[in-house]
Structure formats: structure tokens, C-alpha cells
Amino acid sequence: MIERKKILAEIFTMIRYGAVGLVNTGVTALVIFLLKLTGIHYALYTLAGYAVGITVSFILNRKFTFRSTEKTGKQALKFLLVTGSLLGLTQLLQYLLIDVAGINETIGVILGMVFYTGTGYILNRLFVFRSKGHSD
């Protein structure tokens, strides 16, 4: 019975994470889309979009998804480390796809978003918001 409760709790956590991901992706994409209309370089509009998205993601995942009670500062530092690294890798990926390989800018940005989101889930789940005593 305890195993079933753990499994159900984990499923609900994944559902909440997915919901936060949808909100976060929507906010990030909206900022990116609106800033793209200004004509600024893709590196700047995606950076700004992700900065807003990072803030929204941390707050919602901490409070809603994982219902964390651990110290905010420590988690925020881990979160910024993960997201900052991912942002740098995403910018590099976009540069390689768009400027080096010559693929369509919009496709390159979307591929960067997919990379960022998928990798971010894994790292946030296993490192940033991992609860004490939780083993995977």
C-alpha cells in the first residue's frame, strides 16, 4: 500500500511539473516572440525570454510542484547553476545550428527550447528539488 501511495504521489508531482512547464514555456515563448518583433538579435531575445522563464520556473516549481520547505537560498543557487549552465549550452546549440549549420532561425530556437526543457526537467528533479531522504 505504501508503494502505491509513493507511485501516485510521484505521478501527481510529474503532472504538476508538466503544468508548470506549460505555463513557463508559454511565458518564455511569449517574451521571445514579442522581443523578436523588435528586430534584436536572437541571442538577446532568447536570453531575455529565458531570464523571465527561469524566474517563473523557480517560483512555481518550488512552491507548487515540489512544495519545498528547504532553504530558498541554497535551492536558488543550485537552480541558477543548473539553469545558467543550460542557458549557456542552449545559446551554444542555437549558434551552432543557426550560424554554423545554417538552419532556419525559428527552427534553431525551437530546438534550443526542446533541449533546455528536457534537460532541465532531469536536472531539477534529481538535483535542485530533490527532497532529503528521497532516493531514485
C-alpha atoms as a PDB file:
ATOM      1  CA  MET A   1       0.000   0.000   0.000  1.00  0.00           C
ATOM      2  CA  ILE A   2       2.845   2.390   0.802  1.00  0.00           C
ATOM      3  CA  GLU A   3       4.447   1.744  -2.589  1.00  0.00           C
ATOM      4  CA  ARG A   4       1.186   2.571  -4.328  1.00  0.00           C
ATOM      5  CA  LYS A   5       0.953   5.862  -2.422  1.00  0.00           C
ATOM      6  CA  LYS A   6       4.543   6.730  -3.375  1.00  0.00           C
ATOM      7  CA  ILE A   7       3.843   5.962  -7.018  1.00  0.00           C
ATOM      8  CA  LEU A   8       0.668   8.058  -7.029  1.00  0.00           C
ATOM      9  CA  ALA A   9       2.447  10.928  -5.287  1.00  0.00           C
ATOM     10  CA  GLU A  10       5.213  10.795  -7.888  1.00  0.00           C
ATOM     11  CA  ILE A  11       2.690  10.787 -10.730  1.00  0.00           C
ATOM     12  CA  PHE A  12       0.977  13.862  -9.292  1.00  0.00           C
ATOM     13  CA  THR A  13       4.361  15.574  -8.927  1.00  0.00           C
ATOM     14  CA  MET A  14       5.075  14.868 -12.606  1.00  0.00           C
ATOM     15  CA  ILE A  15       1.656  16.233 -13.568  1.00  0.00           C
ATOM     16  CA  ARG A  16       2.317  19.426 -11.585  1.00  0.00           C
ATOM     17  CA  TYR A  17       5.766  19.707 -13.171  1.00  0.00           C
ATOM     18  CA  GLY A  18       4.175  19.357 -16.596  1.00  0.00           C
ATOM     19  CA  ALA A  19       1.627  22.055 -15.790  1.00  0.00           C
ATOM     20  CA  VAL A  20       4.357  24.405 -14.576  1.00  0.00           C
ATOM     21  CA  GLY A  21       6.346  23.551 -17.688  1.00  0.00           C
ATOM     22  CA  LEU A  22       3.430  24.542 -19.894  1.00  0.00           C
ATOM     23  CA  VAL A  23       2.991  27.857 -18.082  1.00  0.00           C
ATOM     24  CA  ASN A  24       6.732  28.511 -18.063  1.00  0.00           C
ATOM     25  CA  THR A  25       7.140  27.575 -21.725  1.00  0.00           C
ATOM     26  CA  GLY A  26       4.214  29.801 -22.658  1.00  0.00           C
ATOM     27  CA  VAL A  27       5.637  32.762 -20.747  1.00  0.00           C
ATOM     28  CA  THR A  28       9.132  32.189 -22.174  1.00  0.00           C
ATOM     29  CA  ALA A  29       7.843  31.775 -25.731  1.00  0.00           C
ATOM     30  CA  LEU A  30       5.659  34.886 -25.417  1.00  0.00           C
ATOM     31  CA  VAL A  31       8.589  37.015 -24.258  1.00  0.00           C
ATOM     32  CA  ILE A  32      10.785  35.579 -27.031  1.00  0.00           C
ATOM     33  CA  PHE A  33       8.105  36.161 -29.669  1.00  0.00           C
ATOM     34  CA  LEU A  34       7.412  39.725 -28.574  1.00  0.00           C
ATOM     35  CA  LEU A  35      11.091  40.631 -28.401  1.00  0.00           C
ATOM     36  CA  LYS A  36      11.775  39.012 -31.783  1.00  0.00           C
ATOM     37  CA  LEU A  37       9.316  41.510 -33.258  1.00  0.00           C
ATOM     38  CA  THR A  38      11.640  44.318 -32.162  1.00  0.00           C
ATOM     39  CA  GLY A  39      14.323  43.067 -34.567  1.00  0.00           C
ATOM     40  CA  ILE A  40      17.005  42.487 -31.945  1.00  0.00           C
ATOM     41  CA  HIS A  41      19.431  39.564 -32.352  1.00  0.00           C
ATOM     42  CA  TYR A  42      18.109  36.100 -31.432  1.00  0.00           C
ATOM     43  CA  ALA A  43      20.773  35.733 -28.702  1.00  0.00           C
ATOM     44  CA  LEU A  44      19.335  38.768 -26.887  1.00  0.00           C
ATOM     45  CA  TYR A  45      15.652  37.922 -27.244  1.00  0.00           C
ATOM     46  CA  THR A  46      16.142  34.299 -26.210  1.00  0.00           C
ATOM     47  CA  LEU A  47      18.335  35.368 -23.273  1.00  0.00           C
ATOM     48  CA  ALA A  48      15.627  37.745 -22.050  1.00  0.00           C
ATOM     49  CA  GLY A  49      12.920  35.118 -22.571  1.00  0.00           C
ATOM     50  CA  TYR A  50      14.821  32.528 -20.598  1.00  0.00           C
ATOM     51  CA  ALA A  51      15.594  35.009 -17.794  1.00  0.00           C
ATOM     52  CA  VAL A  52      11.870  35.602 -17.296  1.00  0.00           C
ATOM     53  CA  GLY A  53      11.190  31.880 -17.667  1.00  0.00           C
ATOM     54  CA  ILE A  54      13.860  30.966 -15.112  1.00  0.00           C
ATOM     55  CA  THR A  55      12.249  33.204 -12.520  1.00  0.00           C
ATOM     56  CA  VAL A  56       8.737  31.880 -13.165  1.00  0.00           C
ATOM     57  CA  SER A  57      10.003  28.285 -13.196  1.00  0.00           C
ATOM     58  CA  PHE A  58      11.833  28.533  -9.868  1.00  0.00           C
ATOM     59  CA  ILE A  59       8.931  30.129  -8.032  1.00  0.00           C
ATOM     60  CA  LEU A  60       6.270  27.767  -9.384  1.00  0.00           C
ATOM     61  CA  ASN A  61       8.332  24.591  -9.096  1.00  0.00           C
ATOM     62  CA  ARG A  62       9.476  25.406  -5.587  1.00  0.00           C
ATOM     63  CA  LYS A  63       6.011  26.322  -4.286  1.00  0.00           C
ATOM     64  CA  PHE A  64       3.625  24.286  -6.443  1.00  0.00           C
ATOM     65  CA  THR A  65       5.416  21.299  -7.952  1.00  0.00           C
ATOM     66  CA  PHE A  66       7.787  20.145  -5.253  1.00  0.00           C
ATOM     67  CA  ARG A  67       6.291  22.050  -2.296  1.00  0.00           C
ATOM     68  CA  SER A  68       9.769  22.564  -0.984  1.00  0.00           C
ATOM     69  CA  THR A  69      10.480  23.625   2.569  1.00  0.00           C
ATOM     70  CA  GLU A  70      14.263  23.622   2.192  1.00  0.00           C
ATOM     71  CA  LYS A  71      16.196  26.869   2.396  1.00  0.00           C
ATOM     72  CA  THR A  72      15.362  29.073  -0.547  1.00  0.00           C
ATOM     73  CA  GLY A  73      18.883  30.453  -0.929  1.00  0.00           C
ATOM     74  CA  LYS A  74      20.543  27.072  -1.327  1.00  0.00           C
ATOM     75  CA  GLN A  75      17.938  25.893  -3.800  1.00  0.00           C
ATOM     76  CA  ALA A  76      18.031  29.152  -5.718  1.00  0.00           C
ATOM     77  CA  LEU A  77      21.801  28.818  -6.042  1.00  0.00           C
ATOM     78  CA  LYS A  78      21.501  25.247  -7.343  1.00  0.00           C
ATOM     79  CA  PHE A  79      18.688  26.308  -9.649  1.00  0.00           C
ATOM     80  CA  LEU A  80      20.702  29.212 -11.033  1.00  0.00           C
ATOM     81  CA  LEU A  81      23.705  26.944 -11.549  1.00  0.00           C
ATOM     82  CA  VAL A  82      21.610  24.443 -13.493  1.00  0.00           C
ATOM     83  CA  THR A  83      19.655  26.993 -15.488  1.00  0.00           C
ATOM     84  CA  GLY A  84      22.672  29.198 -16.157  1.00  0.00           C
ATOM     85  CA  SER A  85      24.596  26.215 -17.483  1.00  0.00           C
ATOM     86  CA  LEU A  86      21.627  25.147 -19.568  1.00  0.00           C
ATOM     87  CA  LEU A  87      21.169  28.657 -20.911  1.00  0.00           C
ATOM     88  CA  GLY A  88      24.822  28.785 -21.997  1.00  0.00           C
ATOM     89  CA  LEU A  89      24.572  25.361 -23.628  1.00  0.00           C
ATOM     90  CA  THR A  90      21.314  26.349 -25.328  1.00  0.00           C
ATOM     91  CA  GLN A  91      22.877  29.524 -26.723  1.00  0.00           C
ATOM     92  CA  LEU A  92      25.820  27.463 -27.998  1.00  0.00           C
ATOM     93  CA  LEU A  93      23.480  24.915 -29.571  1.00  0.00           C
ATOM     94  CA  GLN A  94      21.475  27.685 -31.254  1.00  0.00           C
ATOM     95  CA  TYR A  95      24.648  29.323 -32.540  1.00  0.00           C
ATOM     96  CA  LEU A  96      25.878  26.027 -33.987  1.00  0.00           C
ATOM     97  CA  LEU A  97      22.514  25.247 -35.576  1.00  0.00           C
ATOM     98  CA  ILE A  98      21.693  28.727 -36.899  1.00  0.00           C
ATOM     99  CA  ASP A  99      25.011  30.454 -37.605  1.00  0.00           C
ATOM    100  CA  VAL A 100      27.254  27.479 -38.366  1.00  0.00           C
ATOM    101  CA  ALA A 101      24.895  24.861 -39.832  1.00  0.00           C
ATOM    102  CA  GLY A 102      22.624  27.478 -41.433  1.00  0.00           C
ATOM    103  CA  ILE A 103      19.264  26.077 -40.384  1.00  0.00           C
ATOM    104  CA  ASN A 104      16.206  28.307 -40.132  1.00  0.00           C
ATOM    105  CA  GLU A 105      16.391  30.662 -37.135  1.00  0.00           C
ATOM    106  CA  THR A 106      12.952  29.744 -35.779  1.00  0.00           C
ATOM    107  CA  ILE A 107      13.707  26.002 -36.034  1.00  0.00           C
ATOM    108  CA  GLY A 108      17.051  26.540 -34.280  1.00  0.00           C
ATOM    109  CA  VAL A 109      15.416  28.458 -31.437  1.00  0.00           C
ATOM    110  CA  ILE A 110      12.697  25.785 -31.048  1.00  0.00           C
ATOM    111  CA  LEU A 111      15.318  23.022 -30.937  1.00  0.00           C
ATOM    112  CA  GLY A 112      17.138  25.003 -28.266  1.00  0.00           C
ATOM    113  CA  MET A 113      13.922  25.231 -26.245  1.00  0.00           C
ATOM    114  CA  VAL A 114      13.362  21.462 -26.501  1.00  0.00           C
ATOM    115  CA  PHE A 115      16.919  20.763 -25.328  1.00  0.00           C
ATOM    116  CA  TYR A 116      16.607  23.241 -22.459  1.00  0.00           C
ATOM    117  CA  THR A 117      13.248  21.914 -21.258  1.00  0.00           C
ATOM    118  CA  GLY A 118      14.080  18.208 -21.382  1.00  0.00           C
ATOM    119  CA  THR A 119      17.479  18.517 -19.762  1.00  0.00           C
ATOM    120  CA  GLY A 120      16.129  20.987 -17.216  1.00  0.00           C
ATOM    121  CA  TYR A 121      13.481  18.548 -16.016  1.00  0.00           C
ATOM    122  CA  ILE A 122      16.024  15.835 -15.340  1.00  0.00           C
ATOM    123  CA  LEU A 123      18.466  18.105 -13.505  1.00  0.00           C
ATOM    124  CA  ASN A 124      15.805  19.882 -11.454  1.00  0.00           C
ATOM    125  CA  ARG A 125      14.151  16.639 -10.426  1.00  0.00           C
ATOM    126  CA  LEU A 126      17.372  14.861  -9.465  1.00  0.00           C
ATOM    127  CA  PHE A 127      19.494  17.729  -8.153  1.00  0.00           C
ATOM    128  CA  VAL A 128      17.766  21.029  -7.362  1.00  0.00           C
ATOM    129  CA  PHE A 129      14.454  19.959  -5.819  1.00  0.00           C
ATOM    130  CA  ARG A 130      15.427  16.503  -4.641  1.00  0.00           C
ATOM    131  CA  SER A 131      13.992  16.110  -1.174  1.00  0.00           C
ATOM    132  CA  LYS A 132      16.124  14.845   1.670  1.00  0.00           C
ATOM    133  CA  GLY A 133      15.732  11.120   2.050  1.00  0.00           C
ATOM    134  CA  HIS A 134      14.296  10.678  -1.446  1.00  0.00           C
ATOM    135  CA  SER A 135      16.119   8.040  -3.437  1.00  0.00           C
ATOM    136  CA  ASP A 136      15.682   7.341  -7.111  1.00  0.00           C
END
